[in-house]
Amino acid sequence: MAEFDKTVLVDDLMRRWPATIEVFMHHRLRCVGCPIACFHTVEDACREHGVNTTLFMSDLMKAVRGEAVAERRAVPALG
């Protein structure tokens, strides 16, 4: 199954498990297509965007397993 943790590079994660892209979008992380995604870890991205790393990792794991994420939890709008 999924073999990653919060130290995986964002770009590597999205390339290996494309279903995780939806999680990034749901949590309003604009990492898809970002030139820094190949340098930032998931932990870096969460810190930079003020996202709870534990919750985000849980949603990433669910996406990799094929479980719905977006319907489960509403994320407040920024700004």
PDB file of N, CA and C in Angstrom:
ATOM      1  N   MET A   1       0.850  -1.190   0.000  1.00  0.00           N
ATOM      2  CA  MET A   1       0.000   0.000   0.000  1.00  0.00           C
ATOM      3  C   MET A   1       0.882   1.235   0.000  1.00  0.00           C
ATOM      4  N   ALA A   2       0.327   2.340   0.416  1.00  0.00           N
ATOM      5  CA  ALA A   2       1.045   3.617   0.391  1.00  0.00           C
ATOM      6  C   ALA A   2       2.239   3.579   1.325  1.00  0.00           C
ATOM      7  N   GLU A   3       3.367   3.975   0.787  1.00  0.00           N
ATOM      8  CA  GLU A   3       4.604   4.033   1.550  1.00  0.00           C
ATOM      9  C   GLU A   3       5.129   5.457   1.514  1.00  0.00           C
ATOM     10  N   PHE A   4       4.533   6.338   2.310  1.00  0.00           N
ATOM     11  CA  PHE A   4       5.025   7.706   2.380  1.00  0.00           C
ATOM     12  C   PHE A   4       4.671   8.299   3.740  1.00  0.00           C
ATOM     13  N   ASP A   5       5.369   9.374   4.054  1.00  0.00           N
ATOM     14  CA  ASP A   5       5.075  10.102   5.285  1.00  0.00           C
ATOM     15  C   ASP A   5       5.170  11.589   4.978  1.00  0.00           C
ATOM     16  N   LYS A   6       5.139  12.416   5.986  1.00  0.00           N
ATOM     17  CA  LYS A   6       5.107  13.866   5.774  1.00  0.00           C
ATOM     18  C   LYS A   6       6.396  14.435   5.189  1.00  0.00           C
ATOM     19  N   THR A   7       7.434  13.595   5.072  1.00  0.00           N
ATOM     20  CA  THR A   7       8.696  14.062   4.502  1.00  0.00           C
ATOM     21  C   THR A   7       8.802  13.804   2.996  1.00  0.00           C
ATOM     22  N   VAL A   8       7.767  13.227   2.402  1.00  0.00           N
ATOM     23  CA  VAL A   8       7.785  12.987   0.959  1.00  0.00           C
ATOM     24  C   VAL A   8       7.666  14.327   0.231  1.00  0.00           C
ATOM     25  N   LEU A   9       8.340  14.441  -0.891  1.00  0.00           N
ATOM     26  CA  LEU A   9       8.232  15.650  -1.703  1.00  0.00           C
ATOM     27  C   LEU A   9       6.848  15.716  -2.345  1.00  0.00           C
ATOM     28  N   VAL A  10       6.272  16.907  -2.343  1.00  0.00           N
ATOM     29  CA  VAL A  10       4.925  17.108  -2.875  1.00  0.00           C
ATOM     30  C   VAL A  10       4.828  16.616  -4.317  1.00  0.00           C
ATOM     31  N   ASP A  11       5.760  16.984  -5.156  1.00  0.00           N
ATOM     32  CA  ASP A  11       5.736  16.581  -6.559  1.00  0.00           C
ATOM     33  C   ASP A  11       5.791  15.061  -6.708  1.00  0.00           C
ATOM     34  N   ASP A  12       6.650  14.411  -5.938  1.00  0.00           N
ATOM     35  CA  ASP A  12       6.758  12.946  -5.996  1.00  0.00           C
ATOM     36  C   ASP A  12       5.439  12.287  -5.594  1.00  0.00           C
ATOM     37  N   LEU A  13       4.815  12.820  -4.556  1.00  0.00           N
ATOM     38  CA  LEU A  13       3.552  12.260  -4.068  1.00  0.00           C
ATOM     39  C   LEU A  13       2.463  12.362  -5.130  1.00  0.00           C
ATOM     40  N   MET A  14       2.314  13.548  -5.731  1.00  0.00           N
ATOM     41  CA  MET A  14       1.261  13.737  -6.734  1.00  0.00           C
ATOM     42  C   MET A  14       1.518  12.937  -7.997  1.00  0.00           C
ATOM     43  N   ARG A  15       2.782  12.748  -8.356  1.00  0.00           N
ATOM     44  CA  ARG A  15       3.093  11.944  -9.547  1.00  0.00           C
ATOM     45  C   ARG A  15       2.816  10.452  -9.307  1.00  0.00           C
ATOM     46  N   ARG A  16       3.160   9.968  -8.125  1.00  0.00           N
ATOM     47  CA  ARG A  16       2.964   8.540  -7.844  1.00  0.00           C
ATOM     48  C   ARG A  16       1.503   8.208  -7.570  1.00  0.00           C
ATOM     49  N   TRP A  17       0.799   9.112  -6.862  1.00  0.00           N
ATOM     50  CA  TRP A  17      -0.603   8.898  -6.509  1.00  0.00           C
ATOM     51  C   TRP A  17      -1.414  10.106  -6.961  1.00  0.00           C
ATOM     52  N   PRO A  18      -1.798  10.186  -8.237  1.00  0.00           N
ATOM     53  CA  PRO A  18      -2.538  11.341  -8.751  1.00  0.00           C
ATOM     54  C   PRO A  18      -3.828  11.650  -7.992  1.00  0.00           C
ATOM     55  N   ALA A  19      -4.415  10.669  -7.343  1.00  0.00           N
ATOM     56  CA  ALA A  19      -5.645  10.908  -6.566  1.00  0.00           C
ATOM     57  C   ALA A  19      -5.411  11.903  -5.434  1.00  0.00           C
ATOM     58  N   THR A  20      -4.158  12.096  -5.030  1.00  0.00           N
ATOM     59  CA  THR A  20      -3.871  13.029  -3.941  1.00  0.00           C
ATOM     60  C   THR A  20      -4.012  14.484  -4.381  1.00  0.00           C
ATOM     61  N   ILE A  21      -4.008  14.736  -5.681  1.00  0.00           N
ATOM     62  CA  ILE A  21      -4.157  16.106  -6.174  1.00  0.00           C
ATOM     63  C   ILE A  21      -5.457  16.716  -5.666  1.00  0.00           C
ATOM     64  N   GLU A  22      -6.514  15.930  -5.653  1.00  0.00           N
ATOM     65  CA  GLU A  22      -7.811  16.415  -5.157  1.00  0.00           C
ATOM     66  C   GLU A  22      -7.714  16.860  -3.696  1.00  0.00           C
ATOM     67  N   VAL A  23      -6.910  16.170  -2.903  1.00  0.00           N
ATOM     68  CA  VAL A  23      -6.742  16.537  -1.499  1.00  0.00           C
ATOM     69  C   VAL A  23      -6.052  17.894  -1.388  1.00  0.00           C
ATOM     70  N   PHE A  24      -5.027  18.110  -2.190  1.00  0.00           N
ATOM     71  CA  PHE A  24      -4.354  19.403  -2.182  1.00  0.00           C
ATOM     72  C   PHE A  24      -5.341  20.518  -2.528  1.00  0.00           C
ATOM     73  N   MET A  25      -6.158  20.300  -3.549  1.00  0.00           N
ATOM     74  CA  MET A  25      -7.130  21.304  -3.959  1.00  0.00           C
ATOM     75  C   MET A  25      -8.193  21.508  -2.882  1.00  0.00           C
ATOM     76  N   HIS A  26      -8.664  20.430  -2.292  1.00  0.00           N
ATOM     77  CA  HIS A  26      -9.693  20.515  -1.248  1.00  0.00           C
ATOM     78  C   HIS A  26      -9.212  21.342  -0.056  1.00  0.00           C
ATOM     79  N   HIS A  27      -7.958  21.190   0.289  1.00  0.00           N
ATOM     80  CA  HIS A  27      -7.389  21.927   1.429  1.00  0.00           C
ATOM     81  C   HIS A  27      -6.843  23.297   1.012  1.00  0.00           C
ATOM     82  N   ARG A  28      -7.070  23.652  -0.237  1.00  0.00           N
ATOM     83  CA  ARG A  28      -6.663  24.947  -0.788  1.00  0.00           C
ATOM     84  C   ARG A  28      -5.146  25.151  -0.798  1.00  0.00           C
ATOM     85  N   LEU A  29      -4.419  24.079  -1.012  1.00  0.00           N
ATOM     86  CA  LEU A  29      -2.979  24.164  -1.217  1.00  0.00           C
ATOM     87  C   LEU A  29      -2.760  24.245  -2.722  1.00  0.00           C
ATOM     88  N   ARG A  30      -2.135  25.278  -3.169  1.00  0.00           N
ATOM     89  CA  ARG A  30      -1.946  25.511  -4.603  1.00  0.00           C
ATOM     90  C   ARG A  30      -0.637  24.891  -5.101  1.00  0.00           C
ATOM     91  N   CYS A  31      -0.379  23.678  -4.688  1.00  0.00           N
ATOM     92  CA  CYS A  31       0.877  23.004  -5.014  1.00  0.00           C
ATOM     93  C   CYS A  31       0.890  22.401  -6.411  1.00  0.00           C
ATOM     94  N   VAL A  32      -0.274  22.147  -6.976  1.00  0.00           N
ATOM     95  CA  VAL A  32      -0.351  21.531  -8.292  1.00  0.00           C
ATOM     96  C   VAL A  32       0.229  22.510  -9.314  1.00  0.00           C
ATOM     97  N   GLY A  33       1.306  22.105  -9.964  1.00  0.00           N
ATOM     98  CA  GLY A  33       1.962  22.949 -10.951  1.00  0.00           C
ATOM     99  C   GLY A  33       2.931  23.968 -10.379  1.00  0.00           C
ATOM    100  N   CYS A  34       3.065  24.022  -9.077  1.00  0.00           N
ATOM    101  CA  CYS A  34       3.971  24.984  -8.449  1.00  0.00           C
ATOM    102  C   CYS A  34       5.421  24.529  -8.663  1.00  0.00           C
ATOM    103  N   PRO A  35       6.305  25.437  -9.072  1.00  0.00           N
ATOM    104  CA  PRO A  35       7.698  25.043  -9.297  1.00  0.00           C
ATOM    105  C   PRO A  35       8.428  24.648  -8.014  1.00  0.00           C
ATOM    106  N   ILE A  36       7.895  24.994  -6.859  1.00  0.00           N
ATOM    107  CA  ILE A  36       8.543  24.644  -5.589  1.00  0.00           C
ATOM    108  C   ILE A  36       8.120  23.251  -5.111  1.00  0.00           C
ATOM    109  N   ALA A  37       7.089  22.661  -5.740  1.00  0.00           N
ATOM    110  CA  ALA A  37       6.584  21.354  -5.316  1.00  0.00           C
ATOM    111  C   ALA A  37       7.649  20.268  -5.372  1.00  0.00           C
ATOM    112  N   CYS A  38       8.663  20.442  -6.218  1.00  0.00           N
ATOM    113  CA  CYS A  38       9.718  19.426  -6.305  1.00  0.00           C
ATOM    114  C   CYS A  38      10.767  19.608  -5.203  1.00  0.00           C
ATOM    115  N   PHE A  39      10.627  20.656  -4.408  1.00  0.00           N
ATOM    116  CA  PHE A  39      11.546  20.906  -3.290  1.00  0.00           C
ATOM    117  C   PHE A  39      10.863  20.807  -1.922  1.00  0.00           C
ATOM    118  N   HIS A  40       9.556  21.088  -1.871  1.00  0.00           N
ATOM    119  CA  HIS A  40       8.818  21.088  -0.604  1.00  0.00           C
ATOM    120  C   HIS A  40       8.320  19.700  -0.246  1.00  0.00           C
ATOM    121  N   THR A  41       8.427  19.381   1.024  1.00  0.00           N
ATOM    122  CA  THR A  41       7.810  18.167   1.535  1.00  0.00           C
ATOM    123  C   THR A  41       6.351  18.486   1.866  1.00  0.00           C
ATOM    124  N   VAL A  42       5.571  17.452   2.139  1.00  0.00           N
ATOM    125  CA  VAL A  42       4.188  17.661   2.571  1.00  0.00           C
ATOM    126  C   VAL A  42       4.179  18.500   3.845  1.00  0.00           C
ATOM    127  N   GLU A  43       5.093  18.224   4.748  1.00  0.00           N
ATOM    128  CA  GLU A  43       5.183  18.984   5.990  1.00  0.00           C
ATOM    129  C   GLU A  43       5.479  20.461   5.709  1.00  0.00           C
ATOM    130  N   ASP A  44       6.387  20.749   4.782  1.00  0.00           N
ATOM    131  CA  ASP A  44       6.694  22.129   4.394  1.00  0.00           C
ATOM    132  C   ASP A  44       5.441  22.827   3.855  1.00  0.00           C
ATOM    133  N   ALA A  45       4.734  22.151   2.959  1.00  0.00           N
ATOM    134  CA  ALA A  45       3.544  22.737   2.338  1.00  0.00           C
ATOM    135  C   ALA A  45       2.474  23.039   3.380  1.00  0.00           C
ATOM    136  N   CYS A  46       2.265  22.115   4.300  1.00  0.00           N
ATOM    137  CA  CYS A  46       1.270  22.337   5.352  1.00  0.00           C
ATOM    138  C   CYS A  46       1.655  23.538   6.214  1.00  0.00           C
ATOM    139  N   ARG A  47       2.907  23.617   6.560  1.00  0.00           N
ATOM    140  CA  ARG A  47       3.382  24.741   7.384  1.00  0.00           C
ATOM    141  C   ARG A  47       3.203  26.057   6.639  1.00  0.00           C
ATOM    142  N   GLU A  48       3.594  26.100   5.375  1.00  0.00           N
ATOM    143  CA  GLU A  48       3.508  27.324   4.581  1.00  0.00           C
ATOM    144  C   GLU A  48       2.070  27.797   4.377  1.00  0.00           C
ATOM    145  N   HIS A  49       1.135  26.848   4.319  1.00  0.00           N
ATOM    146  CA  HIS A  49      -0.261  27.191   4.047  1.00  0.00           C
ATOM    147  C   HIS A  49      -1.136  27.154   5.301  1.00  0.00           C
ATOM    148  N   GLY A  50      -0.551  26.866   6.456  1.00  0.00           N
ATOM    149  CA  GLY A  50      -1.319  26.852   7.698  1.00  0.00           C
ATOM    150  C   GLY A  50      -2.322  25.715   7.785  1.00  0.00           C
ATOM    151  N   VAL A  51      -1.963  24.567   7.233  1.00  0.00           N
ATOM    152  CA  VAL A  51      -2.849  23.401   7.230  1.00  0.00           C
ATOM    153  C   VAL A  51      -2.370  22.405   8.283  1.00  0.00           C
ATOM    154  N   ASN A  52      -3.301  21.799   9.001  1.00  0.00           N
ATOM    155  CA  ASN A  52      -2.988  20.793  10.005  1.00  0.00           C
ATOM    156  C   ASN A  52      -2.380  19.567   9.311  1.00  0.00           C
ATOM    157  N   THR A  53      -1.135  19.272   9.616  1.00  0.00           N
ATOM    158  CA  THR A  53      -0.413  18.184   8.950  1.00  0.00           C
ATOM    159  C   THR A  53      -1.050  16.825   9.207  1.00  0.00           C
ATOM    160  N   THR A  54      -1.472  16.570  10.426  1.00  0.00           N
ATOM    161  CA  THR A  54      -2.077  15.271  10.764  1.00  0.00           C
ATOM    162  C   THR A  54      -3.362  15.049   9.973  1.00  0.00           C
ATOM    163  N   LEU A  55      -4.205  16.048   9.940  1.00  0.00           N
ATOM    164  CA  LEU A  55      -5.464  15.961   9.200  1.00  0.00           C
ATOM    165  C   LEU A  55      -5.200  15.798   7.704  1.00  0.00           C
ATOM    166  N   PHE A  56      -4.261  16.568   7.188  1.00  0.00           N
ATOM    167  CA  PHE A  56      -3.928  16.501   5.775  1.00  0.00           C
ATOM    168  C   PHE A  56      -3.379  15.123   5.406  1.00  0.00           C
ATOM    169  N   MET A  57      -2.483  14.596   6.222  1.00  0.00           N
ATOM    170  CA  MET A  57      -1.933  13.254   5.969  1.00  0.00           C
ATOM    171  C   MET A  57      -3.035  12.201   5.977  1.00  0.00           C
ATOM    172  N   SER A  58      -3.977  12.337   6.890  1.00  0.00           N
ATOM    173  CA  SER A  58      -5.102  11.404   6.945  1.00  0.00           C
ATOM    174  C   SER A  58      -5.888  11.445   5.642  1.00  0.00           C
ATOM    175  N   ASP A  59      -6.146  12.645   5.137  1.00  0.00           N
ATOM    176  CA  ASP A  59      -6.872  12.781   3.880  1.00  0.00           C
ATOM    177  C   ASP A  59      -6.071  12.243   2.696  1.00  0.00           C
ATOM    178  N   LEU A  60      -4.755  12.448   2.706  1.00  0.00           N
ATOM    179  CA  LEU A  60      -3.919  11.893   1.642  1.00  0.00           C
ATOM    180  C   LEU A  60      -3.999  10.366   1.633  1.00  0.00           C
ATOM    181  N   MET A  61      -3.910   9.761   2.799  1.00  0.00           N
ATOM    182  CA  MET A  61      -3.978   8.291   2.893  1.00  0.00           C
ATOM    183  C   MET A  61      -5.325   7.783   2.394  1.00  0.00           C
ATOM    184  N   LYS A  62      -6.393   8.495   2.723  1.00  0.00           N
ATOM    185  CA  LYS A  62      -7.724   8.089   2.256  1.00  0.00           C
ATOM    186  C   LYS A  62      -7.798   8.168   0.731  1.00  0.00           C
ATOM    187  N   ALA A  63      -7.239   9.215   0.161  1.00  0.00           N
ATOM    188  CA  ALA A  63      -7.252   9.350  -1.297  1.00  0.00           C
ATOM    189  C   ALA A  63      -6.487   8.218  -1.961  1.00  0.00           C
ATOM    190  N   VAL A  64      -5.353   7.853  -1.404  1.00  0.00           N
ATOM    191  CA  VAL A  64      -4.555   6.760  -1.957  1.00  0.00           C
ATOM    192  C   VAL A  64      -5.328   5.445  -1.890  1.00  0.00           C
ATOM    193  N   ARG A  65      -6.123   5.272  -0.832  1.00  0.00           N
ATOM    194  CA  ARG A  65      -6.942   4.055  -0.688  1.00  0.00           C
ATOM    195  C   ARG A  65      -8.223   4.112  -1.504  1.00  0.00           C
ATOM    196  N   GLY A  66      -8.480   5.252  -2.154  1.00  0.00           N
ATOM    197  CA  GLY A  66      -9.678   5.372  -2.980  1.00  0.00           C
ATOM    198  C   GLY A  66     -10.919   5.788  -2.225  1.00  0.00           C
ATOM    199  N   GLU A  67     -10.756   6.301  -1.012  1.00  0.00           N
ATOM    200  CA  GLU A  67     -11.894   6.748  -0.203  1.00  0.00           C
ATOM    201  C   GLU A  67     -12.190   8.215  -0.489  1.00  0.00           C
ATOM    202  N   ALA A  68     -13.455   8.603  -0.364  1.00  0.00           N
ATOM    203  CA  ALA A  68     -13.855   9.993  -0.580  1.00  0.00           C
ATOM    204  C   ALA A  68     -13.311  10.868   0.534  1.00  0.00           C
ATOM    205  N   VAL A  69     -12.892  12.055   0.178  1.00  0.00           N
ATOM    206  CA  VAL A  69     -12.367  13.009   1.154  1.00  0.00           C
ATOM    207  C   VAL A  69     -13.214  14.271   1.173  1.00  0.00           C
ATOM    208  N   ALA A  70     -13.504  14.836   0.003  1.00  0.00           N
ATOM    209  CA  ALA A  70     -14.159  16.146  -0.103  1.00  0.00           C
ATOM    210  C   ALA A  70     -15.511  16.177   0.597  1.00  0.00           C
ATOM    211  N   GLU A  71     -16.279  15.122   0.536  1.00  0.00           N
ATOM    212  CA  GLU A  71     -17.606  15.116   1.138  1.00  0.00           C
ATOM    213  C   GLU A  71     -17.536  14.971   2.652  1.00  0.00           C
ATOM    214  N   ARG A  72     -16.444  14.491   3.143  1.00  0.00           N
ATOM    215  CA  ARG A  72     -16.316  14.181   4.563  1.00  0.00           C
ATOM    216  C   ARG A  72     -16.157  15.410   5.435  1.00  0.00           C
ATOM    217  N   ARG A  73     -15.488  16.431   4.932  1.00  0.00           N
ATOM    218  CA  ARG A  73     -15.139  17.559   5.802  1.00  0.00           C
ATOM    219  C   ARG A  73     -15.095  18.838   4.979  1.00  0.00           C
ATOM    220  N   ALA A  74     -15.737  19.861   5.480  1.00  0.00           N
ATOM    221  CA  ALA A  74     -15.661  21.169   4.826  1.00  0.00           C
ATOM    222  C   ALA A  74     -14.451  21.922   5.369  1.00  0.00           C
ATOM    223  N   VAL A  75     -13.702  22.522   4.490  1.00  0.00           N
ATOM    224  CA  VAL A  75     -12.540  23.311   4.885  1.00  0.00           C
ATOM    225  C   VAL A  75     -12.912  24.781   4.749  1.00  0.00           C
ATOM    226  N   PRO A  76     -12.728  25.588   5.805  1.00  0.00           N
ATOM    227  CA  PRO A  76     -13.114  26.997   5.718  1.00  0.00           C
ATOM    228  C   PRO A  76     -12.352  27.735   4.615  1.00  0.00           C
ATOM    229  N   ALA A  77     -13.024  28.701   4.028  1.00  0.00           N
ATOM    230  CA  ALA A  77     -12.403  29.518   2.979  1.00  0.00           C
ATOM    231  C   ALA A  77     -11.338  30.428   3.586  1.00  0.00           C
ATOM    232  N   LEU A  78     -10.303  30.678   2.815  1.00  0.00           N
ATOM    233  CA  LEU A  78      -9.238  31.576   3.257  1.00  0.00           C
ATOM    234  C   LEU A  78      -9.658  33.031   3.052  1.00  0.00           C
ATOM    235  N   GLY A  79      -9.131  33.891   3.928  1.00  0.00           N
ATOM    236  CA  GLY A  79      -9.248  35.321   3.774  1.00  0.00           C
ATOM    237  C   GLY A  79     -10.599  35.842   3.991  1.00  0.00           C
TER     238      GLY A  79
END
